[in-house]
Protein backbone atom coordinates (compact mmCIF):
# COMPACT_ATOMS: atom_id res chain seq x y z
CA MET A 1 -112.98 -60.24 40.48
CA LYS A 2 -111.67 -57.03 39.41
CA ASN A 3 -107.64 -58.20 39.39
CA SER A 4 -109.30 -61.58 37.50
CA HIS A 5 -111.00 -59.16 34.92
CA LEU A 6 -107.96 -57.37 34.64
CA ILE A 7 -105.55 -60.05 33.79
CA SER A 8 -107.65 -61.21 31.11
CA ILE A 9 -107.87 -58.18 29.37
CA ILE A 10 -103.73 -57.87 29.71
CA ALA A 11 -103.81 -61.46 28.06
CA ILE A 12 -105.99 -60.50 25.30
CA PHE A 13 -103.77 -57.32 24.74
CA THR A 14 -100.67 -59.71 24.77
CA PHE A 15 -102.18 -62.07 22.28
CA ILE A 16 -103.20 -59.31 19.79
CA VAL A 17 -99.60 -58.05 19.72
CA ILE A 18 -98.02 -61.31 19.46
CA PHE A 19 -100.37 -63.03 16.88
CA TYR A 20 -100.92 -59.89 14.67
CA ASN A 21 -99.86 -61.27 11.50
CA CYS A 22 -100.35 -65.08 12.55
CA THR A 23 -104.11 -65.23 11.88
CA GLU A 24 -104.21 -68.95 11.68
CA ASN A 25 -102.67 -69.74 14.91
CA PRO A 26 -105.72 -70.75 17.31
CA ILE A 27 -106.41 -68.33 20.52
CA PRO A 28 -104.25 -69.44 23.12
CA TYR A 29 -106.58 -68.69 26.27
CA ASN A 30 -110.05 -70.03 27.43
CA LEU A 31 -112.52 -67.75 25.62
CA SER A 32 -115.25 -69.11 27.49
CA ASP A 33 -114.05 -67.43 30.61
CA SER A 34 -116.86 -65.91 32.35
CA ASP A 35 -115.09 -62.73 32.94
CA LEU A 36 -115.04 -62.02 29.26
CA THR A 37 -117.75 -60.29 27.39
CA LEU A 38 -119.02 -62.29 24.41
CA ASP A 39 -121.06 -60.64 21.61
CA THR A 40 -122.56 -62.22 18.77
CA VAL A 41 -123.10 -60.53 15.17
CA THR A 42 -124.84 -61.90 11.88
CA VAL A 43 -123.62 -60.58 8.45
CA ARG A 44 -125.96 -61.25 5.82
CA SER A 45 -124.58 -58.86 3.12
CA ILE A 46 -123.03 -61.69 1.07
CA VAL A 47 -122.77 -61.45 -2.80
CA GLY A 48 -121.12 -63.85 -5.19
CA GLY A 49 -120.99 -65.52 -8.70
CA THR A 50 -119.90 -68.86 -10.25
CA TYR A 51 -117.45 -69.20 -12.94
CA LEU A 52 -116.35 -71.91 -15.32
CA ALA A 53 -112.51 -72.68 -15.89
CA PRO A 54 -111.07 -75.76 -17.51
CA PRO A 55 -111.37 -78.59 -14.79
CA LEU A 56 -107.80 -79.31 -13.27
CA MET A 57 -107.86 -82.95 -11.89
CA GLY A 58 -104.24 -83.20 -10.52
CA SER A 59 -103.97 -83.92 -6.77
CA THR A 60 -107.31 -86.07 -6.37
CA ASP A 61 -107.30 -89.34 -4.68
CA GLY A 62 -107.98 -90.97 -7.82
CA LEU A 63 -107.25 -91.50 -11.71
CA TYR A 64 -110.51 -92.01 -13.53
CA PHE A 65 -111.78 -93.84 -16.81
CA GLY A 66 -115.12 -94.32 -18.75
CA ASN A 67 -117.77 -91.91 -19.91
CA ALA A 68 -120.87 -90.98 -17.68
CA ASP A 69 -123.38 -88.33 -16.93
CA GLY A 70 -121.86 -86.47 -19.54
CA PHE A 71 -118.11 -86.44 -18.46
CA LYS A 72 -115.40 -88.14 -20.79
CA ASN A 73 -112.26 -89.57 -18.97
CA LEU A 74 -110.16 -89.27 -21.87
CA PHE A 75 -106.81 -90.59 -20.26
CA SER A 76 -104.53 -90.40 -17.25
CA LEU A 77 -100.79 -89.42 -17.31
CA ILE A 78 -98.43 -90.56 -14.45
CA GLN A 79 -94.73 -89.35 -14.22
CA PHE A 80 -92.52 -91.78 -11.92
CA SER A 81 -89.53 -90.99 -9.95
CA SER A 82 -85.81 -92.23 -11.27
CA LEU A 83 -85.19 -92.78 -7.33
CA SER A 84 -86.43 -96.25 -5.55
CA LEU A 85 -89.06 -96.21 -2.83
CA SER A 86 -86.14 -97.14 -0.52
CA GLY A 87 -84.37 -94.19 -1.47
CA SER A 88 -81.34 -96.71 -2.10
CA VAL A 89 -81.47 -97.34 -5.87
CA ARG A 90 -81.42 -95.09 -8.84
CA ALA A 91 -82.66 -96.18 -12.19
CA TYR A 92 -79.38 -95.69 -14.05
CA SER A 93 -77.78 -98.10 -11.83
CA LEU A 94 -79.93 -100.86 -13.13
CA LEU A 95 -78.08 -100.20 -16.67
CA ASP A 96 -74.77 -101.38 -15.24
CA SER A 97 -73.52 -104.38 -16.78
CA THR A 98 -73.26 -106.35 -13.86
CA VAL A 99 -77.45 -106.22 -13.62
CA THR A 100 -79.62 -108.43 -15.13
CA ILE A 101 -83.15 -107.45 -15.17
CA ASP A 102 -85.94 -110.30 -15.30
CA SER A 103 -88.93 -108.03 -15.23
CA LEU A 104 -90.67 -105.08 -15.12
CA VAL A 105 -94.33 -104.95 -13.47
CA PHE A 106 -96.55 -101.91 -13.58
CA ALA A 107 -99.27 -102.26 -10.83
CA PHE A 108 -102.43 -100.23 -10.46
CA THR A 109 -104.95 -100.87 -7.32
CA ALA A 110 -108.68 -100.01 -7.89
CA THR A 111 -110.17 -97.59 -5.61
CA ASP A 112 -113.29 -99.75 -5.24
CA ASP A 113 -113.17 -103.71 -3.79
CA THR A 114 -116.19 -104.65 -6.50
CA LEU A 115 -114.46 -105.06 -10.07
CA ARG A 116 -116.47 -102.65 -12.22
CA THR A 117 -115.50 -103.26 -15.37
CA ASN A 118 -114.34 -105.86 -17.82
CA SER A 119 -112.43 -103.46 -20.23
CA GLU A 120 -108.98 -103.90 -21.60
CA PHE A 121 -106.57 -101.20 -20.70
CA GLU A 122 -103.54 -100.10 -22.60
CA LEU A 123 -100.27 -98.53 -21.29
CA TYR A 124 -98.21 -96.20 -23.12
CA TYR A 125 -94.88 -93.98 -22.78
CA PHE A 126 -93.50 -90.76 -24.39
CA PRO A 127 -89.64 -91.53 -25.34
CA ASP A 128 -90.22 -88.04 -27.71
CA GLY A 129 -91.79 -86.29 -25.16
CA GLY A 130 -89.01 -84.17 -24.08
CA ASP A 131 -88.59 -83.13 -20.49
CA SER A 132 -91.92 -82.48 -19.44
CA VAL A 133 -95.28 -83.97 -20.89
CA PHE A 134 -97.98 -82.33 -18.06
CA SER A 135 -98.22 -80.06 -15.30
CA GLU A 136 -100.39 -81.29 -11.98
CA ILE A 137 -101.98 -77.60 -11.53
CA GLU A 138 -102.23 -76.33 -15.25
CA SER A 139 -102.85 -79.34 -17.68
CA ASN A 140 -106.27 -79.80 -18.77
CA TYR A 141 -108.52 -81.00 -21.38
CA LEU A 142 -107.94 -77.77 -23.68
CA ASN A 143 -104.01 -77.50 -23.49
CA ILE A 144 -103.63 -81.62 -23.39
CA THR A 145 -105.51 -83.23 -26.57
CA GLU A 146 -105.48 -86.63 -28.36
CA THR A 147 -103.49 -84.62 -30.91
CA ASP A 148 -100.71 -84.19 -28.10
CA VAL A 149 -100.18 -87.83 -26.77
CA VAL A 150 -100.60 -89.45 -30.47
CA SER A 151 -96.63 -90.08 -30.11
CA ALA A 152 -96.98 -92.22 -27.19
CA VAL A 153 -95.73 -95.62 -27.51
CA PRO A 154 -98.04 -98.39 -26.56
CA ILE A 155 -96.20 -101.06 -23.90
CA GLY A 156 -99.31 -103.34 -23.79
CA ARG A 157 -102.76 -104.39 -22.49
CA SER A 158 -104.28 -105.83 -19.49
CA PHE A 159 -106.97 -106.24 -17.54
CA PHE A 160 -108.26 -106.06 -13.99
CA THR A 161 -107.84 -109.09 -12.17
CA GLN A 162 -109.07 -109.59 -8.20
CA GLU A 163 -107.74 -112.41 -5.84
CA VAL A 164 -110.25 -114.29 -3.76
CA PRO A 165 -109.97 -113.17 0.00
CA ASP A 166 -108.88 -116.09 2.28
CA SER A 167 -110.60 -113.90 5.31
CA THR A 168 -113.41 -111.11 5.89
CA GLU A 169 -110.68 -108.69 4.59
CA SER A 170 -111.38 -107.05 1.44
CA THR A 171 -109.16 -107.47 -1.56
CA TYR A 172 -108.82 -104.67 -4.68
CA PRO A 173 -108.87 -105.42 -8.13
CA LYS A 174 -105.26 -105.04 -9.81
CA LEU A 175 -104.38 -103.87 -13.26
CA THR A 176 -100.71 -104.99 -14.06
CA PHE A 177 -98.79 -104.76 -16.96
CA ILE A 178 -95.69 -107.10 -17.13
CA ILE A 179 -92.53 -106.72 -19.13
CA ASP A 180 -90.14 -109.45 -19.36
CA ASN A 181 -88.54 -109.34 -22.94
CA LEU A 182 -85.07 -107.82 -22.79
CA ASP A 183 -85.68 -105.01 -25.56
CA GLY A 184 -88.93 -103.77 -23.74
CA ILE A 185 -86.86 -103.82 -20.47
CA ASP A 186 -83.95 -101.89 -21.77
CA GLU A 187 -86.17 -99.20 -23.46
CA ILE A 188 -88.13 -98.49 -20.31
CA ILE A 189 -85.47 -98.60 -17.89
CA ASN A 190 -83.41 -96.18 -20.20
CA PHE A 191 -86.48 -94.07 -20.22
CA ILE A 192 -86.91 -93.84 -16.49
CA ALA A 193 -83.39 -93.49 -15.81
CA ASP A 194 -82.83 -89.99 -17.20
CA THR A 195 -79.58 -91.07 -18.79
CA THR A 196 -80.88 -88.99 -22.35
CA ASP A 197 -82.73 -85.83 -22.81
CA THR A 198 -85.76 -87.39 -22.24
CA GLN A 199 -86.38 -86.64 -18.66
CA ASN A 200 -90.10 -87.10 -18.64
CA ARG A 201 -90.62 -90.38 -17.35
CA THR A 202 -93.99 -90.18 -18.23
CA PHE A 203 -96.59 -93.07 -18.95
CA MET A 204 -100.20 -93.16 -20.12
CA LEU A 205 -103.18 -95.17 -19.34
CA ARG A 206 -106.47 -95.20 -20.93
CA ASN A 207 -109.16 -97.93 -21.37
CA PHE A 208 -108.88 -99.46 -24.88
CA ASP A 209 -112.59 -100.50 -24.78
CA PRO A 210 -115.70 -98.32 -23.80
CA ILE A 211 -116.77 -97.94 -20.15
CA ASP A 212 -120.29 -96.83 -19.64
CA ARG A 213 -119.74 -95.77 -16.20
CA ILE A 214 -116.56 -93.90 -14.22
CA VAL A 215 -114.18 -96.23 -12.60
CA SER A 216 -110.89 -95.08 -10.86
CA ILE A 217 -107.43 -96.37 -9.41
CA ASN A 218 -105.57 -94.93 -6.59
CA SER A 219 -103.65 -91.90 -7.50
CA ARG A 220 -100.16 -90.79 -5.88
CA GLU A 221 -102.27 -89.18 -3.22
CA SER A 222 -103.14 -92.68 -1.85
CA THR A 223 -101.57 -95.23 0.03
CA ASP A 224 -101.97 -97.83 -2.85
CA TYR A 225 -100.45 -95.68 -5.57
CA PRO A 226 -99.31 -96.90 -8.81
CA ILE A 227 -95.84 -98.55 -8.97
CA ILE A 228 -93.28 -99.98 -10.72
CA ASN A 229 -91.70 -103.06 -9.43
CA VAL A 230 -88.26 -104.09 -10.71
CA TYR A 231 -86.96 -107.53 -10.37
CA TYR A 232 -83.24 -107.98 -10.90
CA ARG A 233 -80.20 -109.70 -10.14
CA VAL A 234 -76.74 -108.92 -9.38
CA GLY A 235 -74.43 -111.94 -9.00
CA GLU A 236 -75.91 -114.33 -7.07
CA ASP A 237 -78.30 -111.97 -5.24
CA THR A 238 -82.15 -111.72 -6.09
CA LEU A 239 -83.58 -107.99 -5.68
CA HIS A 240 -86.24 -105.86 -5.94
CA SER A 241 -86.88 -102.12 -6.23
CA VAL A 242 -89.96 -100.08 -6.48
CA PHE A 243 -90.44 -96.79 -8.31
CA PHE A 244 -93.30 -94.65 -7.40
CA PRO A 245 -95.21 -91.83 -8.98
CA VAL A 246 -94.37 -88.13 -8.32
CA LYS A 247 -97.17 -86.76 -10.40
CA ASP A 248 -100.28 -87.69 -11.97
CA ILE A 249 -103.50 -86.05 -13.52
CA THR A 250 -106.82 -87.42 -15.32
CA ILE A 251 -107.51 -85.35 -18.56
CA VAL A 252 -111.43 -85.01 -18.44
CA GLU A 253 -113.62 -83.44 -20.64
CA PRO A 254 -116.43 -82.18 -18.30
CA ARG A 255 -120.24 -82.30 -18.67
CA PRO A 256 -122.51 -79.29 -20.23
CA ILE A 257 -123.30 -76.74 -17.44
CA THR A 258 -126.89 -76.63 -16.28
CA GLU A 259 -128.89 -73.76 -15.19
CA ASN A 260 -128.74 -74.88 -11.64
CA ASP A 261 -124.87 -74.55 -12.00
CA MET A 262 -125.52 -70.79 -13.49
CA ASP A 263 -127.91 -69.91 -11.38
CA HIS A 264 -126.24 -70.82 -7.97
CA ILE A 265 -123.15 -70.55 -6.25
CA SER A 266 -121.71 -73.73 -7.62
CA VAL A 267 -118.55 -75.65 -7.48
CA GLY A 268 -117.51 -79.14 -9.06
CA ARG A 269 -114.01 -80.35 -9.58
CA ALA A 270 -114.45 -82.05 -12.78
CA THR A 271 -117.06 -79.66 -14.17
CA GLY A 272 -114.64 -76.87 -13.63
CA LEU A 273 -117.18 -74.94 -11.45
CA LYS A 274 -115.81 -72.58 -8.86
CA SER A 275 -117.17 -69.27 -7.43
CA ILE A 276 -116.24 -66.18 -5.72
CA ILE A 277 -118.02 -64.46 -2.69
CA LYS A 278 -117.48 -61.21 -0.93
CA PHE A 279 -118.76 -59.93 2.35
CA ASP A 280 -119.66 -56.55 3.05
CA PHE A 281 -118.28 -55.66 7.12
CA SER A 282 -119.01 -52.06 7.02
CA ASP A 283 -122.04 -52.34 9.21
CA ILE A 284 -120.38 -54.53 11.86
CA PRO A 285 -118.00 -53.56 14.94
CA ILE A 286 -114.62 -54.98 13.29
CA ASP A 287 -111.76 -53.38 15.27
CA SER A 288 -108.79 -54.96 16.09
CA THR A 289 -108.22 -52.66 19.05
CA ASN A 290 -111.29 -53.80 20.91
CA MET A 291 -112.10 -57.45 19.92
CA VAL A 292 -110.54 -60.63 19.17
CA ILE A 293 -112.67 -63.23 17.01
CA LYS A 294 -113.49 -66.35 18.71
CA SER A 295 -115.71 -67.83 15.61
CA ALA A 296 -116.96 -67.17 12.11
CA GLU A 297 -119.21 -69.74 10.89
CA LEU A 298 -120.55 -69.33 7.20
CA ILE A 299 -123.70 -71.24 6.29
CA PHE A 300 -125.04 -71.94 3.21
CA ASN A 301 -127.91 -73.95 2.21
CA SER A 302 -128.06 -76.13 -0.81
CA ILE A 303 -130.55 -76.87 -3.56
CA PRO A 304 -132.41 -80.13 -2.25
CA ASP A 305 -132.06 -82.15 -5.13
CA ILE A 306 -129.12 -84.20 -4.26
CA SER A 307 -127.65 -85.18 -1.06
CA LEU A 308 -124.21 -83.60 -0.34
CA ASP A 309 -123.59 -85.48 3.05
CA ASN A 310 -119.63 -86.05 3.03
CA TYR A 311 -118.98 -83.19 0.21
CA GLU A 312 -116.43 -80.91 1.34
CA ILE A 313 -115.67 -77.26 -0.21
CA ILE A 314 -112.53 -75.41 0.19
CA ALA A 315 -112.55 -71.71 0.66
CA ALA A 316 -109.37 -69.80 0.03
CA ILE A 317 -108.62 -65.91 0.77
CA LEU A 318 -107.98 -63.96 -2.67
CA GLU A 319 -104.99 -61.99 -3.05
CA ASP A 320 -106.51 -59.24 -5.44
CA SER A 321 -110.08 -57.48 -6.00
CA ILE A 322 -112.13 -59.26 -8.78
CA SER A 323 -114.93 -58.02 -10.72
CA ILE A 324 -117.84 -60.78 -10.45
CA SER A 325 -121.10 -61.19 -12.15
CA ASN A 326 -123.49 -63.95 -11.56
CA TYR A 327 -121.82 -66.38 -13.77
CA TRP A 328 -118.98 -66.11 -16.31
CA GLU A 329 -116.21 -68.40 -18.31
CA ILE A 330 -112.55 -67.71 -18.50
CA ASP A 331 -109.81 -70.24 -20.34
CA GLU A 332 -107.44 -70.04 -17.15
CA ASP A 333 -107.93 -69.51 -13.63
CA GLN A 334 -105.71 -67.05 -12.70
CA TYR A 335 -107.47 -65.64 -9.47
CA ALA A 336 -104.48 -65.89 -7.02
CA ILE A 337 -105.11 -67.12 -3.49
CA GLU A 338 -103.31 -67.08 -0.15
CA GLN A 339 -101.78 -70.64 -0.26
CA ASN A 340 -100.96 -70.82 3.48
CA VAL A 341 -104.75 -70.27 4.70
CA LEU A 342 -107.49 -72.90 3.38
CA MET A 343 -110.75 -73.52 5.13
CA THR A 344 -113.08 -76.41 4.75
CA GLY A 345 -116.61 -76.74 4.61
CA THR A 346 -118.78 -79.69 5.32
CA PHE A 347 -122.41 -80.79 4.63
CA GLU A 348 -125.38 -82.18 6.94
CA ASN A 349 -128.49 -82.24 5.70
CA ASN A 350 -127.68 -80.21 2.68
CA GLN A 351 -126.30 -77.70 4.82
CA MET A 352 -122.76 -76.49 4.70
CA LYS A 353 -121.18 -74.99 7.69
CA MET A 354 -117.69 -73.58 7.25
CA GLU A 355 -115.36 -72.25 10.02
CA ILE A 356 -113.75 -68.52 8.64
CA ARG A 357 -112.24 -67.02 11.67
CA SER A 358 -108.67 -67.23 10.00
CA PHE A 359 -110.26 -64.88 7.27
CA LEU A 360 -111.99 -62.47 9.25
CA GLN A 361 -109.11 -62.22 12.10
CA GLY A 362 -106.78 -61.53 9.03
CA VAL A 363 -109.18 -58.87 7.96
CA ASN A 364 -109.78 -57.27 11.59
CA THR A 365 -105.48 -57.35 12.25
CA GLY A 366 -104.88 -56.07 8.46
CA SER A 367 -103.09 -59.12 7.36
CA TYR A 368 -105.53 -59.73 5.00
CA ASN A 369 -107.65 -57.46 2.40
CA ASN A 370 -111.35 -58.05 2.27
CA PHE A 371 -110.99 -59.15 -1.56
CA GLY A 372 -113.17 -62.09 -0.74
CA LEU A 373 -113.13 -66.10 -0.86
CA LYS A 374 -112.66 -68.53 -3.79
CA LEU A 375 -114.67 -71.43 -3.46
CA TYR A 376 -113.72 -74.92 -5.06
CA GLY A 377 -114.33 -78.63 -4.77
CA SER A 378 -112.13 -80.48 -2.42
CA SER A 379 -109.54 -83.12 -3.91
CA LYS A 380 -110.98 -85.48 -1.26
CA ILE A 381 -114.33 -85.96 -2.77
CA ASN A 382 -116.06 -87.75 -5.74
CA PRO A 383 -114.82 -84.85 -8.60
CA PHE A 384 -117.81 -85.96 -10.51
CA GLN A 385 -120.24 -84.54 -7.86
CA SER A 386 -121.25 -80.73 -7.96
CA ALA A 387 -122.61 -78.57 -5.17
CA ASN A 388 -125.01 -75.75 -5.92
CA LEU A 389 -125.67 -73.20 -2.97
CA ILE A 390 -128.54 -70.71 -2.60
CA LEU A 391 -127.72 -67.09 -2.99
CA ASP A 392 -131.04 -65.43 -3.85
CA PRO A 393 -130.77 -61.61 -3.71
CA ASN A 394 -134.72 -61.43 -4.32
CA ASN A 395 -135.45 -64.31 -1.67
CA SER A 396 -133.49 -63.82 1.61
CA ASP A 397 -134.89 -66.97 3.23
CA ASN A 398 -132.59 -69.65 2.51
CA ASN A 399 -129.50 -67.15 1.76
CA PRO A 400 -126.02 -67.54 3.57
CA TYR A 401 -124.97 -65.72 6.46
CA LEU A 402 -121.92 -65.66 8.54
CA LYS A 403 -122.33 -65.68 12.53
CA ILE A 404 -119.37 -64.00 14.31
CA VAL A 405 -118.81 -64.69 17.97
CA TYR A 406 -116.05 -62.05 19.27
CA VAL A 407 -114.68 -61.14 22.62
CA LYS A 408 -115.58 -57.59 23.40
CA LEU A 409 -112.71 -55.70 25.44
């Protein structure tokens, strides 16, 4: 038994040396070994605040249209590649005199298999937009306005259509724009071919008629992403190439902020709500020389007003110290984070649980400073839903806590 215990201790010390700066790696041994001593400590010294920044809607699973619940989806911007999906065709090669293009078909697929609008949509492009129109990680309703897109040239209008399924398989509504006139084809192909100083290859899609609900199409993050179909002939051969999006974004004007947003730890993608939380570890035995952390589960309760099942919150490690208050507003989110470590919290019965061992182990080994965590809504969930988490210094009953289980050497 003593030899077994000694071997376990040697293995732990070897892990600490090898993984000192690689805290995101899983612990490569069995922490349930009965020869190891497990201890638990609970941290309740957690403070935090919520801030409001312009909402950033790049990298979401959908592109959104319509107005509802105070949100206004102004328009969506999509930049396409000049290289085909197969990787074998460059757009400029379609300008060759041996190529005859019969039509271009822009195709967008709804995220819902039920047709949710009869609105007409309009597609535009930016021949005078220069080499860039938008940024997925920076563009928002404050730095891209209606004035900035007034130069967009309309291509055409269309409605969603939906095929009747011939089985039990669902079919999703499609929004298509067909260009089959020679002048229009040449203009668009030249636009995406990068043959001039105009290299933005950006198109704008917006609803022409008002929509009093939020509808969405799949973005480039989804399997049914927007595409441009090019149908053409070379000699006797009839060919087809598909061009795909490289970035896209919806420009959203957010709803007004509520008292619940300001009084709690709040996150919401389309609202622009994010939060900072900080931990006081001074009274717990964090010491990289005599402990290895098995788990560190952060638990938050949310207000009971709405169900948050299937909602996800992302936590990122802050790179710098930030002064916080209960609520504040900024024009641009410049709070830098560690990009290689992101932790996800999920909800059940309006309680969020998030494993943050990688953060705590990094603080333990000195890989990270204890500047705290930035919380924000996942790109995989409904961006128009917000979460309000309870953190009340005057009432500790429902306050968050961090449950740490560690191996004591």
